[in-house]
C-alpha atoms as a PDB file:
ATOM      1  CA  MET A   1       0.039   0.095  -0.076  1.00  0.00           C
ATOM      2  CA  THR A   2       2.556   2.365   0.783  1.00  0.00           C
ATOM      3  CA  ARG A   3       4.504   1.826  -2.583  1.00  0.00           C
ATOM      4  CA  THR A   4       1.189   2.003  -4.348  1.00  0.00           C
ATOM      5  CA  THR A   5       0.277   5.274  -2.769  1.00  0.00           C
ATOM      6  CA  GLY A   6       3.740   6.764  -3.346  1.00  0.00           C
ATOM      7  CA  GLY A   7       3.652   5.599  -6.927  1.00  0.00           C
ATOM      8  CA  ARG A   8       0.156   7.079  -7.484  1.00  0.00           C
ATOM      9  CA  ALA A   9       1.252  10.476  -5.983  1.00  0.00           C
ATOM     10  CA  GLU A  10       4.398  10.516  -7.909  1.00  0.00           C
ATOM     11  CA  ALA A  11       2.244   9.867 -11.177  1.00  0.00           C
ATOM     12  CA  ILE A  12      -0.118  12.684 -10.139  1.00  0.00           C
ATOM     13  CA  ARG A  13       2.829  15.110  -9.724  1.00  0.00           C
ATOM     14  CA  HIS A  14       4.065  13.929 -13.122  1.00  0.00           C
ATOM     15  CA  SER A  15       0.660  14.540 -14.763  1.00  0.00           C
ATOM     16  CA  LYS A  16       0.531  18.130 -13.219  1.00  0.00           C
ATOM     17  CA  GLY A  17       3.922  18.936 -14.447  1.00  0.00           C
ATOM     18  CA  LEU A  18       3.122  17.810 -17.938  1.00  0.00           C
ATOM     19  CA  ILE A  19      -0.201  19.670 -18.014  1.00  0.00           C
ATOM     20  CA  GLY A  20       1.522  22.826 -16.728  1.00  0.00           C
ATOM     21  CA  THR A  21       4.305  22.497 -19.447  1.00  0.00           C
ATOM     22  CA  LEU A  22       1.757  22.115 -22.289  1.00  0.00           C
ATOM     23  CA  ALA A  23      -0.239  25.043 -20.999  1.00  0.00           C
ATOM     24  CA  GLY A  24       2.832  27.139 -20.968  1.00  0.00           C
ATOM     25  CA  LEU A  25       3.596  26.175 -24.446  1.00  0.00           C
ATOM     26  CA  LEU A  26       0.069  26.972 -25.610  1.00  0.00           C
ATOM     27  CA  LEU A  27       0.264  30.316 -23.989  1.00  0.00           C
ATOM     28  CA  LEU A  28       3.654  31.347 -25.422  1.00  0.00           C
ATOM     29  CA  THR A  29       2.485  30.043 -28.875  1.00  0.00           C
ATOM     30  CA  GLY A  30      -0.737  32.171 -28.745  1.00  0.00           C
ATOM     31  CA  CYS A  31       1.194  35.353 -27.543  1.00  0.00           C
ATOM     32  CA  GLY A  32       3.674  35.039 -30.107  1.00  0.00           C
ATOM     33  CA  ALA A  33       1.061  34.479 -32.877  1.00  0.00           C
ATOM     34  CA  ALA A  34      -0.759  37.571 -31.533  1.00  0.00           C
ATOM     35  CA  LEU A  35       2.181  39.605 -31.612  1.00  0.00           C
ATOM     36  CA  GLY A  36       3.252  38.544 -35.046  1.00  0.00           C
ATOM     37  CA  GLU A  37      -0.142  39.220 -36.589  1.00  0.00           C
ATOM     38  CA  THR A  38      -0.882  42.607 -35.180  1.00  0.00           C
ATOM     39  CA  ALA A  39      -0.012  44.539 -38.062  1.00  0.00           C
ATOM     40  CA  GLN A  40      -1.466  42.163 -40.824  1.00  0.00           C
ATOM     41  CA  ALA A  41      -4.817  40.586 -41.005  1.00  0.00           C
ATOM     42  CA  SER A  42      -5.684  37.006 -41.991  1.00  0.00           C
ATOM     43  CA  PRO A  43      -6.238  36.800 -45.759  1.00  0.00           C
ATOM     44  CA  ASP A  44      -9.757  35.286 -44.748  1.00  0.00           C
ATOM     45  CA  SER A  45     -10.471  37.987 -42.393  1.00  0.00           C
ATOM     46  CA  ASP A  46     -13.288  40.511 -43.001  1.00  0.00           C
ATOM     47  CA  ALA A  47     -11.522  43.196 -40.798  1.00  0.00           C
ATOM     48  CA  THR A  48     -10.168  46.279 -42.467  1.00  0.00           C
ATOM     49  CA  PRO A  49      -6.570  46.696 -41.781  1.00  0.00           C
ATOM     50  CA  VAL A  50      -5.638  49.836 -39.741  1.00  0.00           C
ATOM     51  CA  GLU A  51      -3.220  52.187 -41.376  1.00  0.00           C
ATOM     52  CA  PRO A  52      -0.634  53.531 -39.162  1.00  0.00           C
ATOM     53  CA  ALA A  53      -0.680  57.262 -38.351  1.00  0.00           C
ATOM     54  CA  VAL A  54       1.612  59.596 -40.190  1.00  0.00           C
ATOM     55  CA  VAL A  55       3.153  62.527 -38.487  1.00  0.00           C
ATOM     56  CA  GLU A  56       4.886  64.982 -40.561  1.00  0.00           C
ATOM     57  CA  VAL A  57       7.777  66.725 -38.732  1.00  0.00           C
ATOM     58  CA  THR A  58       9.494  69.700 -40.003  1.00  0.00           C
ATOM     59  CA  ASP A  59      12.013  72.102 -38.720  1.00  0.00           C
ATOM     60  CA  ALA A  60      11.589  74.798 -41.483  1.00  0.00           C
ATOM     61  CA  PRO A  61      11.046  78.440 -40.400  1.00  0.00           C
ATOM     62  CA  ALA A  62       7.710  79.896 -40.965  1.00  0.00           C
ATOM     63  CA  SER A  63       8.990  82.060 -43.579  1.00  0.00           C
ATOM     64  CA  GLU A  64      10.576  79.340 -45.820  1.00  0.00           C
ATOM     65  CA  PRO A  65       9.007  79.453 -49.358  1.00  0.00           C
ATOM     66  CA  THR A  66       7.155  76.393 -50.656  1.00  0.00           C
ATOM     67  CA  ALA A  67       8.653  74.228 -53.279  1.00  0.00           C
ATOM     68  CA  THR A  68       6.790  76.039 -55.861  1.00  0.00           C
ATOM     69  CA  ALA A  69       8.314  79.421 -54.977  1.00  0.00           C
ATOM     70  CA  GLU A  70      10.636  80.431 -57.894  1.00  0.00           C
ATOM     71  CA  ALA A  71      13.133  83.164 -57.751  1.00  0.00           C
ATOM     72  CA  GLY A  72      11.872  86.398 -59.001  1.00  0.00           C
ATOM     73  CA  THR A  73       8.216  85.696 -57.501  1.00  0.00           C
ATOM     74  CA  ALA A  74       6.622  87.639 -54.899  1.00  0.00           C
ATOM     75  CA  LEU A  75       6.007  84.149 -53.020  1.00  0.00           C
ATOM     76  CA  ALA A  76       9.844  83.721 -52.843  1.00  0.00           C
ATOM     77  CA  LEU A  77      10.515  87.300 -51.650  1.00  0.00           C
ATOM     78  CA  LEU A  78       7.844  86.872 -48.994  1.00  0.00           C
ATOM     79  CA  ALA A  79      10.122  84.229 -47.440  1.00  0.00           C
ATOM     80  CA  GLU A  80      12.858  87.059 -46.922  1.00  0.00           C
ATOM     81  CA  LEU A  81      10.567  89.189 -44.861  1.00  0.00           C
ATOM     82  CA  ARG A  82      11.056  89.401 -41.161  1.00  0.00           C
ATOM     83  CA  ILE A  83       8.034  88.421 -39.018  1.00  0.00           C
ATOM     84  CA  ALA A  84       7.492  90.502 -35.751  1.00  0.00           C
ATOM     85  CA  GLY A  85       4.784  92.241 -33.922  1.00  0.00           C
ATOM     86  CA  ARG A  86       3.633  95.752 -34.348  1.00  0.00           C
ATOM     87  CA  ALA A  87       5.540  98.636 -32.834  1.00  0.00           C
ATOM     88  CA  PRO A  88       3.667 101.409 -30.881  1.00  0.00           C
ATOM     89  CA  LYS A  89       2.045 103.945 -32.962  1.00  0.00           C
ATOM     90  CA  SER A  90       3.248 106.725 -30.741  1.00  0.00           C
ATOM     91  CA  GLY A  91       5.004 109.400 -32.470  1.00  0.00           C
ATOM     92  CA  TYR A  92       3.467 108.849 -35.855  1.00  0.00           C
ATOM     93  CA  ASP A  93       2.782 111.906 -38.055  1.00  0.00           C
ATOM     94  CA  ARG A  94       1.866 111.672 -41.600  1.00  0.00           C
ATOM     95  CA  ASP A  95       3.768 114.752 -42.469  1.00  0.00           C
ATOM     96  CA  LEU A  96       6.982 113.152 -41.720  1.00  0.00           C
ATOM     97  CA  PHE A  97       6.848 111.367 -44.975  1.00  0.00           C
ATOM     98  CA  GLU A  98       6.437 114.544 -46.870  1.00  0.00           C
ATOM     99  CA  TYR A  99       3.864 113.325 -49.331  1.00  0.00           C
ATOM    100  CA  ARG A 100       3.606 115.711 -52.480  1.00  0.00           C
ATOM    101  CA  SER A 101       6.324 117.918 -50.943  1.00  0.00           C
ATOM    102  CA  TYR A 102       8.993 115.981 -52.584  1.00  0.00           C
ATOM    103  CA  ASP A 103       9.731 115.623 -56.388  1.00  0.00           C
ATOM    104  CA  TYR A 104      10.837 111.795 -56.422  1.00  0.00           C
ATOM    105  CA  ASP A 105      11.789 111.732 -60.029  1.00  0.00           C
ATOM    106  CA  ARG A 106      12.696 115.476 -60.358  1.00  0.00           C
ATOM    107  CA  ASN A 107      10.606 116.189 -63.294  1.00  0.00           C
ATOM    108  CA  GLY A 108       9.089 119.425 -61.817  1.00  0.00           C
ATOM    109  CA  CYS A 109       5.713 117.716 -60.846  1.00  0.00           C
ATOM    110  CA  ASP A 110       4.327 116.669 -57.550  1.00  0.00           C
ATOM    111  CA  ILE A 111       3.880 113.059 -57.048  1.00  0.00           C
ATOM    112  CA  ARG A 112       0.108 113.083 -56.930  1.00  0.00           C
ATOM    113  CA  ASN A 113      -0.133 114.413 -60.596  1.00  0.00           C
ATOM    114  CA  ASP A 114       2.715 111.957 -61.653  1.00  0.00           C
ATOM    115  CA  ILE A 115       0.550 109.017 -60.459  1.00  0.00           C
ATOM    116  CA  LEU A 116      -2.529 110.278 -62.055  1.00  0.00           C
ATOM    117  CA  ARG A 117      -0.788 110.509 -65.471  1.00  0.00           C
ATOM    118  CA  ARG A 118       0.631 107.121 -65.074  1.00  0.00           C
ATOM    119  CA  ASP A 119      -2.510 105.366 -64.031  1.00  0.00           C
ATOM    120  CA  LEU A 120      -5.425 107.242 -65.833  1.00  0.00           C
ATOM    121  CA  THR A 121      -6.275 107.130 -69.628  1.00  0.00           C
ATOM    122  CA  ASP A 122      -7.781 109.833 -71.810  1.00  0.00           C
ATOM    123  CA  ILE A 123      -6.245 112.494 -69.634  1.00  0.00           C
ATOM    124  CA  LEU A 124      -6.441 116.221 -70.344  1.00  0.00           C
ATOM    125  CA  ILE A 125      -3.704 118.496 -68.949  1.00  0.00           C
ATOM    126  CA  LYS A 126      -4.101 121.894 -67.616  1.00  0.00           C
ATOM    127  CA  PRO A 127      -2.470 124.435 -69.774  1.00  0.00           C
ATOM    128  CA  GLY A 128       0.648 126.173 -68.600  1.00  0.00           C
ATOM    129  CA  THR A 129       1.600 123.451 -66.108  1.00  0.00           C
ATOM    130  CA  ASN A 130       4.551 122.100 -68.093  1.00  0.00           C
ATOM    131  CA  GLY A 131       2.524 118.900 -68.735  1.00  0.00           C
ATOM    132  CA  CYS A 132       1.995 118.224 -65.114  1.00  0.00           C
ATOM    133  CA  VAL A 133      -1.413 118.842 -63.743  1.00  0.00           C
ATOM    134  CA  VAL A 134      -4.220 116.433 -64.714  1.00  0.00           C
ATOM    135  CA  LEU A 135      -7.645 118.106 -65.155  1.00  0.00           C
ATOM    136  CA  THR A 136      -9.677 115.030 -66.193  1.00  0.00           C
ATOM    137  CA  GLY A 137      -9.200 111.452 -67.014  1.00  0.00           C
ATOM    138  CA  VAL A 138     -10.607 107.912 -66.713  1.00  0.00           C
ATOM    139  CA  LEU A 139      -9.395 105.346 -64.077  1.00  0.00           C
ATOM    140  CA  ASN A 140      -9.880 101.607 -64.546  1.00  0.00           C
ATOM    141  CA  ASP A 141      -9.911 101.047 -60.823  1.00  0.00           C
ATOM    142  CA  PRO A 142      -7.872  98.124 -59.670  1.00  0.00           C
ATOM    143  CA  TYR A 143      -9.569  97.840 -56.286  1.00  0.00           C
ATOM    144  CA  SER A 144     -13.125  97.698 -57.534  1.00  0.00           C
ATOM    145  CA  GLY A 145     -12.659  96.723 -61.197  1.00  0.00           C
ATOM    146  CA  GLU A 146     -15.025  99.624 -62.077  1.00  0.00           C
ATOM    147  CA  VAL A 147     -14.362 102.594 -64.358  1.00  0.00           C
ATOM    148  CA  ILE A 148     -14.320 105.813 -62.693  1.00  0.00           C
ATOM    149  CA  SER A 149     -14.228 109.449 -64.186  1.00  0.00           C
ATOM    150  CA  PHE A 150     -11.680 111.648 -62.654  1.00  0.00           C
ATOM    151  CA  ASP A 151     -12.343 115.507 -62.380  1.00  0.00           C
ATOM    152  CA  ARG A 152      -9.891 117.735 -60.551  1.00  0.00           C
ATOM    153  CA  GLU A 153     -12.986 119.507 -59.238  1.00  0.00           C
ATOM    154  CA  ALA A 154     -13.979 116.477 -57.287  1.00  0.00           C
ATOM    155  CA  PRO A 155     -10.688 114.891 -56.430  1.00  0.00           C
ATOM    156  CA  ASN A 156     -12.004 112.567 -53.559  1.00  0.00           C
ATOM    157  CA  ASP A 157     -13.545 110.315 -56.236  1.00  0.00           C
ATOM    158  CA  VAL A 158     -10.212 109.183 -57.156  1.00  0.00           C
ATOM    159  CA  GLN A 159      -7.326 109.161 -54.641  1.00  0.00           C
ATOM    160  CA  ILE A 160      -3.670 108.042 -54.535  1.00  0.00           C
ATOM    161  CA  ASP A 161      -3.287 105.120 -52.079  1.00  0.00           C
ATOM    162  CA  HIS A 162      -0.039 104.282 -50.241  1.00  0.00           C
ATOM    163  CA  VAL A 163      -0.431 100.434 -50.872  1.00  0.00           C
ATOM    164  CA  VAL A 164       1.600  99.903 -47.791  1.00  0.00           C
ATOM    165  CA  ALA A 165       0.090 102.516 -45.489  1.00  0.00           C
ATOM    166  CA  LEU A 166       2.252 105.074 -43.929  1.00  0.00           C
ATOM    167  CA  SER A 167       1.010 104.192 -40.441  1.00  0.00           C
ATOM    168  CA  ASP A 168       1.475 100.660 -41.088  1.00  0.00           C
ATOM    169  CA  ALA A 169       5.061 101.268 -42.034  1.00  0.00           C
ATOM    170  CA  TRP A 170       5.564 103.483 -38.970  1.00  0.00           C
ATOM    171  CA  GLN A 171       4.696 100.375 -36.903  1.00  0.00           C
ATOM    172  CA  LYS A 172       6.735  98.031 -38.740  1.00  0.00           C
ATOM    173  CA  GLY A 173      10.266  99.565 -38.966  1.00  0.00           C
ATOM    174  CA  ALA A 174       9.852 103.068 -40.383  1.00  0.00           C
ATOM    175  CA  GLN A 175      10.432 104.671 -36.907  1.00  0.00           C
ATOM    176  CA  GLY A 176      14.034 104.120 -37.068  1.00  0.00           C
ATOM    177  CA  TRP A 177      14.486 105.787 -40.580  1.00  0.00           C
ATOM    178  CA  ASP A 178      16.084 109.104 -41.271  1.00  0.00           C
ATOM    179  CA  GLU A 179      14.324 111.980 -42.918  1.00  0.00           C
ATOM    180  CA  GLN A 180      15.540 111.179 -46.539  1.00  0.00           C
ATOM    181  CA  THR A 181      14.276 107.538 -46.361  1.00  0.00           C
ATOM    182  CA  MET A 182      10.809 108.697 -44.980  1.00  0.00           C
ATOM    183  CA  ARG A 183      10.699 111.215 -47.777  1.00  0.00           C
ATOM    184  CA  GLU A 184      11.586 108.586 -50.540  1.00  0.00           C
ATOM    185  CA  PHE A 185       8.959 106.134 -49.059  1.00  0.00           C
ATOM    186  CA  GLY A 186       6.116 108.690 -48.961  1.00  0.00           C
ATOM    187  CA  ASN A 187       6.611 109.524 -52.609  1.00  0.00           C
ATOM    188  CA  ASP A 188       7.903 106.393 -54.007  1.00  0.00           C
ATOM    189  CA  PRO A 189       5.704 105.419 -57.307  1.00  0.00           C
ATOM    190  CA  LEU A 190       6.269 101.780 -56.380  1.00  0.00           C
ATOM    191  CA  ASN A 191       4.059 102.192 -53.336  1.00  0.00           C
ATOM    192  CA  LEU A 192       1.419 104.591 -54.891  1.00  0.00           C
ATOM    193  CA  LEU A 193      -1.736 103.649 -56.850  1.00  0.00           C
ATOM    194  CA  ALA A 194      -4.597 105.794 -58.105  1.00  0.00           C
ATOM    195  CA  VAL A 195      -7.768 104.135 -56.761  1.00  0.00           C
ATOM    196  CA  ASP A 196     -11.377 104.572 -55.803  1.00  0.00           C
ATOM    197  CA  GLY A 197     -11.617 107.182 -53.225  1.00  0.00           C
ATOM    198  CA  PRO A 198     -14.046 105.728 -50.855  1.00  0.00           C
ATOM    199  CA  LEU A 199     -12.550 102.191 -50.968  1.00  0.00           C
ATOM    200  CA  ASN A 200      -9.070 103.885 -50.037  1.00  0.00           C
ATOM    201  CA  ALA A 201     -10.882 105.540 -47.152  1.00  0.00           C
ATOM    202  CA  GLY A 202     -12.251 102.355 -45.993  1.00  0.00           C
ATOM    203  CA  LYS A 203      -8.845 100.716 -46.189  1.00  0.00           C
ATOM    204  CA  ALA A 204      -7.292 103.250 -43.819  1.00  0.00           C
ATOM    205  CA  ASP A 205      -3.944 101.755 -42.414  1.00  0.00           C
ATOM    206  CA  GLY A 206      -4.998  98.146 -42.965  1.00  0.00           C
ATOM    207  CA  ASP A 207      -2.346  95.460 -43.918  1.00  0.00           C
ATOM    208  CA  THR A 208      -3.091  92.194 -45.816  1.00  0.00           C
ATOM    209  CA  ALA A 209      -4.473  90.583 -42.748  1.00  0.00           C
ATOM    210  CA  THR A 210      -7.075  93.326 -42.209  1.00  0.00           C
ATOM    211  CA  TRP A 211      -7.963  94.476 -45.852  1.00  0.00           C
ATOM    212  CA  LEU A 212      -7.968  93.304 -49.426  1.00  0.00           C
ATOM    213  CA  PRO A 213      -9.243  94.831 -52.669  1.00  0.00           C
ATOM    214  CA  PRO A 214     -12.947  93.791 -53.378  1.00  0.00           C
ATOM    215  CA  ASP A 215     -11.949  92.775 -56.828  1.00  0.00           C
ATOM    216  CA  LYS A 216     -10.408  89.448 -56.280  1.00  0.00           C
ATOM    217  CA  SER A 217      -8.626  89.267 -59.656  1.00  0.00           C
ATOM    218  CA  PHE A 218      -6.203  92.058 -58.347  1.00  0.00           C
ATOM    219  CA  ARG A 219      -5.412  90.688 -55.111  1.00  0.00           C
ATOM    220  CA  CYS A 220      -2.244  88.709 -56.281  1.00  0.00           C
ATOM    221  CA  ALA A 221      -0.837  91.948 -57.815  1.00  0.00           C
ATOM    222  CA  TYR A 222      -1.880  93.938 -54.780  1.00  0.00           C
ATOM    223  CA  VAL A 223      -0.256  91.640 -52.238  1.00  0.00           C
ATOM    224  CA  ALA A 224       2.841  91.192 -54.629  1.00  0.00           C
ATOM    225  CA  ARG A 225       3.198  94.950 -54.472  1.00  0.00           C
ATOM    226  CA  GLN A 226       2.954  95.135 -50.641  1.00  0.00           C
ATOM    227  CA  VAL A 227       5.829  92.314 -50.416  1.00  0.00           C
ATOM    228  CA  THR A 228       7.869  94.165 -52.770  1.00  0.00           C
ATOM    229  CA  VAL A 229       7.628  97.460 -51.014  1.00  0.00           C
ATOM    230  CA  LYS A 230       8.220  95.935 -47.575  1.00  0.00           C
ATOM    231  CA  HIS A 231      11.239  94.161 -48.779  1.00  0.00           C
ATOM    232  CA  THR A 232      12.645  97.190 -50.595  1.00  0.00           C
ATOM    233  CA  TYR A 233      12.575  99.185 -47.419  1.00  0.00           C
ATOM    234  CA  GLY A 234      13.464  96.528 -44.896  1.00  0.00           C
ATOM    235  CA  LEU A 235       9.988  96.594 -43.207  1.00  0.00           C
ATOM    236  CA  TRP A 236       8.493  93.591 -41.405  1.00  0.00           C
ATOM    237  CA  VAL A 237       5.203  91.869 -41.331  1.00  0.00           C
ATOM    238  CA  THR A 238       3.200  90.402 -38.452  1.00  0.00           C
ATOM    239  CA  GLN A 239       2.492  86.635 -38.146  1.00  0.00           C
ATOM    240  CA  ALA A 240      -1.210  87.042 -39.214  1.00  0.00           C
ATOM    241  CA  GLU A 241      -0.135  89.375 -42.222  1.00  0.00           C
ATOM    242  CA  HIS A 242       2.537  86.715 -43.351  1.00  0.00           C
ATOM    243  CA  GLU A 243      -0.134  83.966 -43.226  1.00  0.00           C
ATOM    244  CA  ALA A 244      -2.583  86.154 -45.035  1.00  0.00           C
ATOM    245  CA  MET A 245       0.055  86.904 -47.800  1.00  0.00           C
ATOM    246  CA  THR A 246       1.047  83.323 -48.027  1.00  0.00           C
ATOM    247  CA  ARG A 247      -2.592  82.240 -48.646  1.00  0.00           C
ATOM    248  CA  ILE A 248      -3.037  84.711 -51.406  1.00  0.00           C
ATOM    249  CA  LEU A 249       0.223  84.132 -53.217  1.00  0.00           C
ATOM    250  CA  ALA A 250      -0.229  80.374 -52.920  1.00  0.00           C
ATOM    251  CA  ALA A 251      -2.958  80.560 -55.474  1.00  0.00           C
ATOM    252  CA  CYS A 252      -0.724  82.454 -57.795  1.00  0.00           C
ATOM    253  CA  PRO A 253       2.896  81.191 -57.188  1.00  0.00           C
ATOM    254  CA  ASP A 254       4.198  82.772 -60.510  1.00  0.00           C
ATOM    255  CA  GLN A 255       3.080  86.124 -59.567  1.00  0.00           C
ATOM    256  CA  PRO A 256       6.181  88.343 -60.130  1.00  0.00           C
ATOM    257  CA  VAL A 257       7.544  91.087 -57.928  1.00  0.00           C
ATOM    258  CA  ALA A 258       6.295  94.565 -58.491  1.00  0.00           C
ATOM    259  CA  GLU A 259       8.211  97.086 -60.622  1.00  0.00           C
ATOM    260  CA  ARG A 260       8.514 100.789 -60.060  1.00  0.00           C
ATOM    261  CA  GLU A 261       6.787 102.679 -63.182  1.00  0.00           C
ATOM    262  CA  THR A 262       6.940 106.485 -63.546  1.00  0.00           C
ATOM    263  CA  ALA A 263       4.855 108.764 -65.934  1.00  0.00           C
ATOM    264  CA  ASP A 264       5.872 110.758 -68.679  1.00  0.00           C
ATOM    265  CA  LEU A 265       5.164 114.429 -68.844  1.00  0.00           C
ATOM    266  CA  GLY A 266       2.534 115.828 -71.116  1.00  0.00           C
ATOM    267  CA  GLY A 267      -0.677 114.841 -72.751  1.00  0.00           C
ATOM    268  CA  PRO A 268      -3.335 116.863 -74.687  1.00  0.00           C
ATOM    269  CA  GLU A 269      -3.944 120.236 -73.086  1.00  0.00           C
ATOM    270  CA  ALA A 270      -7.410 121.672 -72.332  1.00  0.00           C
ATOM    271  CA  THR A 271      -8.483 124.310 -74.611  1.00  0.00           C
ATOM    272  CA  GLN A 272      -7.794 127.662 -72.930  1.00  0.00           C
ATOM    273  CA  ALA A 273     -10.403 130.320 -73.453  1.00  0.00           C
ATOM    274  CA  PRO A 274      -9.012 133.618 -74.350  1.00  0.00           C
ATOM    275  CA  THR A 275      -8.338 135.784 -71.573  1.00  0.00           C
ATOM    276  CA  GLN A 276      -8.614 139.525 -71.175  1.00  0.00           C
ATOM    277  CA  GLU A 277      -5.614 141.590 -70.177  1.00  0.00           C
ATOM    278  CA  PRO A 278      -5.850 142.090 -66.442  1.00  0.00           C
ATOM    279  CA  THR A 279      -6.940 145.315 -65.228  1.00  0.00           C
ATOM    280  CA  PRO A 280      -4.003 146.916 -63.244  1.00  0.00           C
ATOM    281  CA  GLN A 281      -4.878 147.164 -59.422  1.00  0.00           C
ATOM    282  CA  ALA A 282      -3.035 148.690 -56.625  1.00  0.00           C
ATOM    283  CA  SER A 283      -1.118 146.195 -54.856  1.00  0.00           C
ATOM    284  CA  THR A 284      -0.705 146.444 -51.032  1.00  0.00           C
ATOM    285  CA  HIS A 285       2.789 145.016 -51.256  1.00  0.00           C
ATOM    286  CA  ALA A 286       5.678 146.448 -53.243  1.00  0.00           C
ATOM    287  CA  PRO A 287       6.970 143.922 -55.771  1.00  0.00           C
ATOM    288  CA  ALA A 288      10.644 142.740 -55.409  1.00  0.00           C
ATOM    289  CA  THR A 289      12.714 141.543 -58.249  1.00  0.00           C
ATOM    290  CA  ASP A 290      15.287 138.731 -57.994  1.00  0.00           C
ATOM    291  CA  GLY A 291      17.470 138.466 -61.023  1.00  0.00           C
ATOM    292  CA  ASP A 292      15.615 136.802 -64.040  1.00  0.00           C
ATOM    293  CA  THR A 293      12.455 135.967 -62.131  1.00  0.00           C
ATOM    294  CA  ASP A 294       9.237 137.817 -62.099  1.00  0.00           C
ATOM    295  CA  PRO A 295       8.494 140.381 -59.589  1.00  0.00           C
ATOM    296  CA  ARG A 296       7.881 139.021 -56.048  1.00  0.00           C
ATOM    297  CA  PHE A 297       4.458 140.017 -54.607  1.00  0.00           C
ATOM    298  CA  GLY A 298       3.046 139.626 -51.173  1.00  0.00           C
ATOM    299  CA  SER A 299       0.360 137.190 -52.253  1.00  0.00           C
ATOM    300  CA  CYS A 300      -0.836 135.427 -55.320  1.00  0.00           C
ATOM    301  CA  LYS A 301      -3.702 137.637 -55.564  1.00  0.00           C
ATOM    302  CA  ASP A 302      -1.383 140.619 -56.119  1.00  0.00           C
ATOM    303  CA  ALA A 303       0.760 138.619 -58.542  1.00  0.00           C
ATOM    304  CA  LYS A 304      -2.250 137.497 -60.692  1.00  0.00           C
ATOM    305  CA  ALA A 305      -3.757 141.140 -60.642  1.00  0.00           C
ATOM    306  CA  ALA A 306      -0.435 142.093 -62.059  1.00  0.00           C
ATOM    307  CA  GLY A 307      -0.523 139.459 -64.886  1.00  0.00           C
ATOM    308  CA  TYR A 308       2.035 137.047 -63.400  1.00  0.00           C
ATOM    309  CA  GLY A 309       1.932 133.282 -62.689  1.00  0.00           C
ATOM    310  CA  PRO A 310       1.017 130.315 -62.549  1.00  0.00           C
ATOM    311  CA  TYR A 311       4.326 128.822 -61.037  1.00  0.00           C
ATOM    312  CA  VAL A 312       4.975 125.178 -60.931  1.00  0.00           C
ATOM    313  CA  SER A 313       6.881 123.234 -58.115  1.00  0.00           C
ATOM    314  CA  GLY A 314      10.536 122.359 -59.406  1.00  0.00           C
ATOM    315  CA  VAL A 315      10.199 124.521 -62.358  1.00  0.00           C
ATOM    316  CA  ASP A 316       9.676 128.016 -61.399  1.00  0.00           C
ATOM    317  CA  LEU A 317      11.698 129.565 -58.540  1.00  0.00           C
ATOM    318  CA  GLU A 318       8.703 131.938 -57.775  1.00  0.00           C
ATOM    319  CA  TYR A 319       6.731 128.750 -56.665  1.00  0.00           C
ATOM    320  CA  GLY A 320       8.504 128.958 -53.250  1.00  0.00           C
ATOM    321  CA  TRP A 321       7.382 132.493 -52.703  1.00  0.00           C
ATOM    322  CA  TYR A 322       3.748 131.642 -52.248  1.00  0.00           C
ATOM    323  CA  ARG A 323       1.525 129.254 -50.254  1.00  0.00           C
ATOM    324  CA  ASP A 324       0.268 126.124 -52.274  1.00  0.00           C
ATOM    325  CA  GLY A 325      -3.159 125.857 -50.732  1.00  0.00           C
ATOM    326  CA  ASP A 326      -4.347 122.658 -52.379  1.00  0.00           C
ATOM    327  CA  SER A 327      -0.993 121.191 -52.532  1.00  0.00           C
ATOM    328  CA  ASP A 328      -1.094 120.512 -56.261  1.00  0.00           C
ATOM    329  CA  GLY A 329       2.364 121.763 -57.060  1.00  0.00           C
ATOM    330  CA  ILE A 330       1.037 125.032 -58.530  1.00  0.00           C
ATOM    331  CA  VAL A 331       0.608 128.349 -57.139  1.00  0.00           C
ATOM    332  CA  CYS A 332      -0.965 131.572 -58.389  1.00  0.00           C
ATOM    333  CA  GLU A 333      -3.045 129.643 -60.940  1.00  0.00           C
END
C-alpha cells in the first residue's frame, strides 16, 4: 500500500507537471502569434486593416517658401521678410513722410499728378503747367474693377493710395528711418496707386491681414506690391499678415515682384479760353525783383492782378514764394 500510494502520488505530480508545461507552451505560442499578426490581418478576415498614423515633422522656419516658389516671384520674396509684432504707433505723423512735398523723379511735378498721369487714361492736362497737372481722365480702378471718371474739381472720387500705408510702415520699421528715407518712401511710385476714393478711405492703414481689394482678380498683384515694397524698405510683417500673404500668393505662385513705373510728362492740354488783359490794380505790397525771375508780390492775388503766374513746383523759382493751398504743385493759378 505504501509503495502504491507513493507511486500514485508520483504519477499525479508528473501529470500536473506535464499539463503545466503544455499550458505554458500553448500560452507562449498564442502570444507569439498575436504579436506577429498585429499589423497584418488574415487573408480570410473581413476586418479592415488599420493604417498607421503619419506625423509630418519639419523644422523649417515659418517664412521658408514652398517648393513652388521660384526666384523672382513675390512668394519667394515673402520668405525673406522678417516676422515680428507691431511697434507702438506713438510719435506717428503723416507729415514726416512729406507726401507731395518731394519731387521723387525730379521732373518738376508733384507725385500726385505723376501717378494720375501714369494710372489714368484719356487724360487732359491743364495748360501752362509744363505737362504736369491732370484736369480730367478715366481710371480703370484696380480695387473695385469699375471705371471711374476723374475730375480735378472732385478730387475725392479718385485718390492716391499708399499700398503699404504710412501708419502701417511706421509700426513695422519706419520709426528708425532718417528723414530722407521717409521722404523717399512717402513719394515712391512703387508704393502708390490711383484708386477708388471711398475704398481707399475704408482701407485706412490696414495690412493684408485686415484689408484686401474687393476685386479678387487684383489681389495677387496687390499683395505682390506690398511684399515688394516691404522688402525694398526693410519693413517687417506680423504673423497674421504673413499668413494672409502666403494664402493669397499660394494661389498664384508665379506672380512676379512689382516694378517701379513712372509717368511721362505731357498729354493733350485743355482748350484755354482767351483771356482779357488783367486790369491793373493797386498792390498792398511793393513787388521785389530777383534776377531773371518775375517780380515778387506779397500774395498770389497781387501777382495775378499784375498778370503774373502760375508757378510750378520744381520748375519756377517763384513757386516757393507763395503758399500752395491745395498742394497740387502749382501756385498763383
